[in-house]
Amino acid sequence: MNKFLVLIIGVLLIACAEQPTAKIAIIPEPVKMEVGSGSYTINSSTKVAFTDAAMEGAAQTIAELLGEKLGTELEIASKGDVTINKWNDAPKGESYKLSITKSGITIDAADYAGAIYAMQTLLQLMPAEVYSPKINYNYVCYPDSVAFLAEAAPEVAKILGGRRPLKLSTTPKQNAIVLSQYWDKKVDSTFIFYTHKYKEIGIAAKDKNMVIQAAKTLKELYERIEKEGANIAFVQTFGEPDFEKITIPCLTIEDYPRFGWRGMHLDCSRHFFTINEVRKYVDYLAMHKLNRFHWHLVDDQGWRMESKRYPLLTEKAAWRVDRSGVDWDNRQPIDRAKGEQPTYGGFYTQQQIKDLVAYAAKLGVAVIPEIEIPGHTSEVFAAYPALSCLGTEQEVTPGGYYPADMATCFCAGNEDVFAFIEGILDEVIELFPDAPYIHIGGDEVDKRFWRSCPKCKARMQKEKLANVDELQSYFIHRVEKYVNEKGKPIIGWDEILEGGLAPNATVMSWRGIGGGIAAARAGHDVVMTPNSHLYFDYYQNTPEVEPKAIGGFVPLKRVYGFEPIPEGLSEEEGKHILGAQANLWVEFIPTFAQVEYMVLPRMSALAEVTWSPKEKRDWADFTRRVEQQQVRYEAMGANAHKGADYIDFSTSFDADNKLFLVEMTGEIYGSDIFYTTDGSQPTLNSTKYEKPVEVTQTSTIRAIVAKGGKQISKMASERTIGMHKGVGKKITYNHKASEAYPGSGETTLIDGLTSSDRQDDPRMQGFNSKDFDVVIDLGTVEKLSSVVGSFFQSVGSWIYLPQEMVVSVSDDGERWSEVGRVGHDYDPFKTQSIRHQFEVKGDFSGRFVKIVGVNPPTVKGLPGAGTVNWIFADEIFVN
C-alpha cells in the first residue's frame, strides 16, 4: 500500500532576455506614449517606495506582485527604485503616469486603481514569461552516493520533463525535484512527497521502482489538480536556468480610461466553475484593465450563493440531474421514478465569496453580484415552492427545455416573496459591501401565470396597475426602494424599462442599443452590452470549424468596431453612457477551458473599446498587438482562440464601368489571402489577394487564409456576387432592420452578395415583429422580368419565411401597381432550416420596386407561437 503526503508551494521564477522587445505591444492602447532610449533593469534587490499615505496600499500590492515575478520578496523602503506618487491633478479617476528611465521607475496615480493599472502596463513591457503561473522546475537533484537514486534520476527527468527532460545534478539546485532515500525500515514500500526549502519538491523512497512510481504519481496529481481547478499547475516543458533580472525599455506613458464601466460577465449557473477558475477569470479582467466583474450567480439551472438564512437553496436549488452530453435544449427533467438523482452543480460558500471579492479589489476590479428577479427563478421553487404562483415543488431544470407547467418567476402578489428577496439581498449586500451596484436581472419574465394568479390579480387591483407590464414595474420599483435604503443603487437588463423604469435604476442594454438610447434620453445611466457586438457566447469564426455555440456571430473585428455611445444622442445624453460590458452565457460552454476560448482575445478588443480614445483605434495595429497578447495568453496557460480564419467580403459598385469591386479582409496579423473566382477550391498556388477584385458578371469567389507559407483556413470562405439592376441603387426601408442583425448596413440587400445558410452570418438582415418592407429606386423607369427575394428560415431561432412575397412597381413612388405575389409550400413543423428564394416573374416596368414579405403571427405549436417573429433576408435581385 502506497502512502504519500503532498504539500506543494510554488514560486514563480522568470527567464527573460537582456534586451527589451523591439516592438511595444500594450493592450489597451495608452492615451499618450513616448518611447525613449535605453532600458532599466529590475531585480531581487529592487525596492518600492511611496510618497503619499494614499499610495501605501498600492505600493504593497505592486511590491508583492512584482516580487512574485522575480521569485522573491521586494522590500518597501523610504527611497525606492520604483516610486509611487499621488497624482493630485489627474484628469479623472484611475489615471496614471508611468515613467521608466535608466535610473528608475516612477508611477504617478490618481488613486489605488490607477497605480495597479500602471503595474499592468509595466508587466506588458516585460517578457511574456512573467505571466506564467507555473513552477519552473529545471533539475532533478540526487546524491550520487545512493546507487538506486542515481539509476532512477534519468527516468524521473524524462517523466516529469515531457518534451524536454530535466537536467541532472548531484549538487543542490533551486527549482528542482530532490530525490532522497526513505529510511523507515518498518515500512516495506513507501514514497512520500514533501516541500524542500519552499522552492523544491522532494521525493523520498525506498527503492528505484518506488522513485519512478512517485514521479508518475506526481505528474498525474498535478494534471488532476490543474483540471479540477486548484491553484497549482504542472509544467511539462521547462525553461533555461533562471535569470534574476528583468529588463524593460525606457518610456513615458500618460493614460486614463475613456469609460468608467469596463466590464465582463460570467454565468456560473448554467454551468458551475470552481472558485479558483473564477479567480483566474478576474486575473484576465485585471490584465486588460477591465474594472467590473458581473457575477451571474443564480438562474433557472442552479443557485450558486450560500445563504445562511435560506439553507435549502444550496441543499436543493444548487443541484440538478446531470445531462452532460445531451443537447442543451433537449435536456429532459429528472426522472425520480428511474432513480435519477440531482448530482450536477455546486455553490460558493460565503467565505469563498468574501475572499474572491477581496482578491478582485486588490487588482482594481469591483464585483457586481446578480440575483435574478422576478424571472429566471425556477430553481428557487425546488427549495421554496410557495414563492411561485403555482405553489408546487418543481425540480431544477438541467438545460434549456422548460415544461409548459414550469413556473419561472416569483409570485408578484405574495408578500412572502418580498420577505424572501429582502432576506437574500441583506446577505448579498453584506457579502459585497463595496459593490457599486446590485444587479437584479429583470429580463425575460414569463408573465403568463401572473395573468391568472389570484394573488397577482389582487395586487394589480390594489395598486391600480393596468397590466402585467406595470406589475413587473411595481415589482422592480419595490425592490429598488429596499436596495436604495441599504445604500446601494440597482442595475438591471433593459426589460426593466417595461411598464415604467424605476426612478434610480441603471439600465444594461442587451437587446441592441435601443433600450440604452431610451434610458439615456430619459436621464438614466446606461451600460451598453448589445448582443450584436458584445455577446461572447456567440460564434467568433465560421461555425463549421468551431465548437458548438448558442448562435450569433461576433468576431474580433466586430467587437473592436463597437462604439458605446450611439449616434443620435446629444452630448448631455451621451454622458449617461457609463461604458460597455461583454457577457458570457454558458449554455454551450461546460468547461473553463472553453470559457477562455470564448473570451480571449475578444476581451482585448473590449478593453481597447472601453479604455482607449476613440480616435486612437487602429484595427491593423491592434491585430499586431494581439499577436503579442497571444504569447502572453500562452504563457498564462490560457486556452485562447488563435484567431478567426474566416474572410470578410465587402463590395462597392462602380456604376461607370458596371462592375463590382470585391474587398477581402481577414483577422490574423501578417496573413495572406489566396482566392479563385470560378468557384474552384483555392490553394497556396491560387491568385494572391493584393487589391479589390473586379467582378463584371455573377461569380463565386472562394478564398483561404495563409501565414508563413502554410494554409491556416480549415475551410474556404465563399461568396457569390450577383449582378442585377438593383445593385448600387438607392433603397428605402419602410421597416428598419433590427440593430442586433443589421447585416452590412443599408446596402445589404442590393450589394450583390448572398450570405451562407446560417442566421448568424453577418450579411443577414433581421426584421423583428413586423413585415419585411423595402423600396428600391432604380433611378429611371426600367423594363423588368423578375424580382427575387432571398430569405431564410430557422424555426428553433423563431425565424420564419414570409408567408408570401408581394412585389409592386411605380413610376413616381406614389401610385403603385401590384405585379405579383408568391408564397411557399414549406411546412415549418417539418422544415426547420432552409434558404428560399421567392420569385415574381412577369413583363413589367417601373422606377420604384416595392417588396413586402408578409409576416403573420406564428401558429400554435411552433416556437414563438402567437407572436409576430423574425424575417431574415440577404439580397433582393431585380432582373
Foldseek 3Di string as FASTA:
>chain_A
DEDADDDAFFAAFDAFDPDWDPDQFDFPDFADKDFDDDWEKDFQAFEEEEDDPQCPLLRCLLQVLVQSLLRHGHHHDNDGLEYEYEDCVAPDALWWKWFGDHRHIYIYHPGSNVSLLSSLSVCSQWALLSLFLAHFAAEEEEAVVDPQCVVQRQVLQPLQQAPGGHHYYPDDDFRYEYEEEDPDPVDDWYWYWDDDPNRYIYIYTHGNVNVNVVSNVVVVVQVVCVQQQDSHHGDNHHDDPGDRMIMGGGMMGTGWFPFPAQAAEDACQLAHHDLNLVLVVLVVCLSNSHAEYEYEQAFLRAHAEQDPVQRLRQVALFFAFDPPPDQQQPQDGDDVVVVTDGDHGYYAYLVSLLVSQVSSVSSNHAYAYEDEPFFRALSVLCRQVCQALVSDHDHRGNGNHDPPPGTGGGALLDPVNVVVVLSVVVSVCVSRVPHQAHEHALPDHDCPSLVVRPSSVVVCVVVVPDDVQLSSLVVVLVVQVSVVVVVHGYEYELSNPGNHHRPAYEYEYACFCVSVLVQLVVPHAYAYAYPLAAALQEDQADCVPDQDGPYAYHHLVSNLPDAQQDPPDDPSSSVSHNYYYHYYDPSPPHRSLSVLQSPPPSSSSSSNNGGYDPVPRDLLSNLVSSVSVVSSCVSHVHNYHPFYWAKDWAWDADVVVQKIFIDIDGRHHQKWKFKDWAPDATDPPHDTDDGTDIGNAWTKMWMFIGHPPGTDDPGIHIKTFHRFLLAPFDKDWPAAFGSSQQAVHPCQARNRTDFPQGPNTNSKTKGFQFKGKMKTFSPAKDKFFKKKWKWKAAQVVQEDFFQKKWKWAAAPVPDIDTQDMDGDDDDCVPDRIDIDMDMRGDTDIHRMMMMIRHFDAADPPTPNHPTGGMIMTGYMHID
